Amino acid sequence: MNLPQNNTLADSSDVDTSMFVDYPDLLSVSDVQNALSIGRSMAYRLINDGKIKHLRVGRAVKIPKRFLIDYVVHSCYNSGAVTGNPSCPD
């Protein structure tokens, strides 16, 4: 992952997103589960709590890949790799 030298959070456009290259541009909840190695309940919790932005298409929940990348970059999910996120405990 390309991180800025000043130990602040990177803009999502600055982050190497090659880990998501094999995923479609519009993800299902199952895709999110696989990408983050989490269970179904946790995936829905992150979505319903608004931590991962999403779209509803009828009854289906769809997550644009950009929203998943934004979550990974700006959350405590990667707090071990990035420092300076004010929402993460030190």
Protein backbone atom coordinates (compact mmCIF):
# COMPACT_ATOMS: atom_id res chain seq x y z
CA MET A 1 0.00 0.00 0.00
CA ASN A 2 1.36 3.42 -0.88
CA LEU A 3 1.20 5.59 2.22
CA PRO A 4 2.03 9.26 2.50
CA GLN A 5 5.31 10.12 4.19
CA ASN A 6 3.76 12.46 6.77
CA ASN A 7 1.81 9.67 8.54
CA THR A 8 -1.59 11.15 7.74
CA LEU A 9 -4.44 9.35 6.09
CA ALA A 10 -4.15 9.04 2.36
CA ASP A 11 -6.81 10.29 0.02
CA SER A 12 -8.45 7.18 -1.44
CA SER A 13 -7.10 8.11 -4.87
CA ASP A 14 -3.54 7.82 -3.46
CA VAL A 15 -4.00 4.25 -2.24
CA ASP A 16 -2.96 1.16 -4.15
CA THR A 17 -6.28 -0.57 -4.79
CA SER A 18 -4.86 -3.57 -6.62
CA MET A 19 -6.29 -5.84 -3.92
CA PHE A 20 -9.76 -5.12 -5.35
CA VAL A 21 -8.88 -5.50 -9.04
CA ASP A 22 -10.65 -8.86 -9.32
CA TYR A 23 -13.93 -7.49 -7.93
CA PRO A 24 -16.67 -5.96 -10.08
CA ASP A 25 -17.33 -2.21 -9.97
CA LEU A 26 -20.68 -2.84 -8.25
CA LEU A 27 -20.31 -5.28 -5.36
CA SER A 28 -22.80 -7.50 -3.61
CA VAL A 29 -22.77 -8.01 0.15
CA SER A 30 -21.14 -11.37 -0.50
CA ASP A 31 -18.34 -9.63 -2.42
CA VAL A 32 -17.79 -7.27 0.53
CA GLN A 33 -17.63 -10.25 2.87
CA ASN A 34 -14.94 -11.86 0.74
CA ALA A 35 -12.99 -8.65 0.23
CA LEU A 36 -12.83 -7.87 3.96
CA SER A 37 -12.79 -11.47 5.24
CA ILE A 38 -15.80 -10.84 7.45
CA GLY A 39 -19.08 -12.63 7.99
CA ARG A 40 -22.51 -11.77 6.66
CA SER A 41 -23.73 -10.20 9.91
CA MET A 42 -20.69 -7.93 10.17
CA ALA A 43 -21.04 -6.89 6.52
CA TYR A 44 -24.67 -5.90 7.05
CA ARG A 45 -23.79 -4.14 10.32
CA LEU A 46 -21.20 -1.98 8.55
CA ILE A 47 -23.70 -1.20 5.79
CA ASN A 48 -26.67 -0.52 8.09
CA ASP A 49 -24.54 1.62 10.44
CA GLY A 50 -23.53 3.75 7.45
CA LYS A 51 -19.84 2.87 7.74
CA ILE A 52 -19.88 1.45 4.22
CA LYS A 53 -21.96 3.58 1.86
CA HIS A 54 -24.29 1.62 -0.36
CA LEU A 55 -27.14 1.75 -2.86
CA ARG A 56 -30.44 -0.06 -2.78
CA VAL A 57 -31.67 -1.42 -6.08
CA GLY A 58 -35.12 -2.67 -5.25
CA ARG A 59 -34.49 -4.92 -2.27
CA ALA A 60 -30.88 -5.64 -3.24
CA VAL A 61 -27.97 -3.90 -1.53
CA LYS A 62 -25.15 -2.91 -3.89
CA ILE A 63 -21.85 -1.32 -2.94
CA PRO A 64 -19.84 0.57 -5.56
CA LYS A 65 -16.21 -0.52 -5.32
CA ARG A 66 -15.21 3.12 -4.64
CA PHE A 67 -17.32 3.04 -1.42
CA LEU A 68 -15.52 -0.09 -0.21
CA ILE A 69 -12.15 1.51 -0.93
CA ASP A 70 -13.24 4.66 0.94
CA TYR A 71 -14.19 2.51 3.95
CA VAL A 72 -10.85 0.70 3.96
CA VAL A 73 -8.86 3.93 3.62
CA HIS A 74 -10.78 6.01 6.17
CA SER A 75 -11.65 3.52 8.88
CA CYS A 76 -9.97 1.83 11.77
CA TYR A 77 -10.08 -1.32 9.64
CA ASN A 78 -6.51 -0.50 8.63
CA SER A 79 -5.42 1.36 11.77
CA GLY A 80 -2.32 -0.80 12.02
CA ALA A 81 -1.14 0.41 8.61
CA VAL A 82 -2.11 4.08 8.79
CA THR A 83 -1.70 6.46 11.68
CA GLY A 84 -3.25 9.82 12.24
CA ASN A 85 -6.91 8.86 11.83
CA PRO A 86 -8.65 10.95 14.51
CA SER A 87 -11.53 8.46 14.77
CA CYS A 88 -9.19 5.59 15.68
CA PRO A 89 -7.91 5.12 19.23
CA ASP A 90 -4.11 5.28 19.52
